[in-house]
Amino acid sequence: MHKLIHSKTNVNLIFTSVEGGRSAVQRLTDMGLLPGEKLKVLHSSGYGPVTVLIKGAKVALGHGLAAKIIVEEE
């Protein structure tokens, strides 16, 4: 398991948990990102937003929020 910001692009991942408070968890839940959900990193340059594909939708996550998301490779 590792943080989303350290993931390579075009790799299928599974969201496992969040290392953050209630607001981070609520924000991700509102986006439809729940534990066990599959996602794919489309763009991550190390700075700025991380673009991911969740349930067929492109979502841009801020770098700070992406640093709190724990994933594992599928």
Protein backbone atom coordinates (compact mmCIF):
# COMPACT_ATOMS: atom_id res chain seq x y z
CA MET A 1 0.00 0.00 0.00
CA HIS A 2 1.15 3.53 -0.76
CA LYS A 3 -0.16 7.06 -1.16
CA LEU A 4 -1.96 8.10 -4.32
CA ILE A 5 0.58 10.84 -5.09
CA HIS A 6 3.30 8.17 -5.38
CA SER A 7 1.36 6.09 -7.92
CA LYS A 8 2.40 5.77 -11.54
CA THR A 9 0.03 6.78 -14.32
CA ASN A 10 -2.17 4.24 -16.12
CA VAL A 11 -2.03 1.73 -13.27
CA ASN A 12 -5.25 0.25 -11.90
CA LEU A 13 -5.55 0.92 -8.17
CA ILE A 14 -7.92 0.13 -5.33
CA PHE A 15 -8.74 2.82 -2.77
CA THR A 16 -8.16 1.44 0.73
CA SER A 17 -8.26 4.30 3.23
CA VAL A 18 -7.74 7.98 4.02
CA GLU A 19 -5.16 9.41 6.40
CA GLY A 20 -7.21 12.47 7.18
CA GLY A 21 -10.02 13.95 9.17
CA ARG A 22 -13.75 13.91 8.70
CA SER A 23 -13.73 16.64 6.06
CA ALA A 24 -11.34 14.69 3.81
CA VAL A 25 -13.38 11.52 4.21
CA GLN A 26 -16.63 13.39 3.51
CA ARG A 27 -15.19 15.09 0.41
CA LEU A 28 -14.08 11.75 -1.04
CA THR A 29 -17.38 10.09 -0.15
CA ASP A 30 -19.22 12.89 -1.95
CA MET A 31 -17.12 12.13 -5.05
CA GLY A 32 -18.11 8.46 -4.85
CA LEU A 33 -14.71 7.26 -3.64
CA LEU A 34 -15.33 4.58 -1.03
CA PRO A 35 -12.97 1.87 0.28
CA GLY A 36 -12.67 -0.91 -2.28
CA GLU A 37 -13.40 1.43 -5.20
CA LYS A 38 -11.24 1.04 -8.31
CA LEU A 39 -9.48 4.04 -9.80
CA LYS A 40 -6.77 4.88 -12.30
CA VAL A 41 -4.27 7.76 -12.25
CA LEU A 42 -4.45 9.70 -15.51
CA HIS A 43 -2.03 12.50 -14.63
CA SER A 44 0.31 13.16 -11.72
CA SER A 45 3.28 15.46 -12.17
CA GLY A 46 4.28 15.70 -8.52
CA TYR A 47 2.90 19.24 -8.33
CA GLY A 48 -0.64 20.48 -8.53
CA PRO A 49 -3.72 18.31 -8.95
CA VAL A 50 -3.75 14.57 -9.55
CA THR A 51 -6.26 13.53 -12.21
CA VAL A 52 -7.91 10.14 -11.65
CA LEU A 53 -10.61 8.11 -13.32
CA ILE A 54 -13.33 7.06 -10.85
CA LYS A 55 -16.43 5.20 -12.09
CA GLY A 56 -15.81 6.48 -15.62
CA ALA A 57 -15.49 10.13 -14.57
CA LYS A 58 -12.30 12.22 -14.59
CA VAL A 59 -11.74 13.86 -11.22
CA ALA A 60 -8.98 16.31 -10.28
CA LEU A 61 -7.83 15.95 -6.68
CA GLY A 62 -5.70 18.58 -5.01
CA HIS A 63 -2.15 17.53 -4.16
CA GLY A 64 -2.84 17.78 -0.41
CA LEU A 65 -5.92 15.57 -0.59
CA ALA A 66 -4.18 13.06 -2.88
CA ALA A 67 -1.38 12.81 -0.29
CA LYS A 68 -3.93 11.51 2.24
CA ILE A 69 -5.34 8.74 0.03
CA ILE A 70 -3.95 5.23 0.54
CA VAL A 71 -4.19 2.84 -2.43
CA GLU A 72 -2.91 -0.55 -3.50
CA GLU A 73 -2.29 -1.92 -6.97
CA GLU A 74 -5.01 -4.12 -8.37
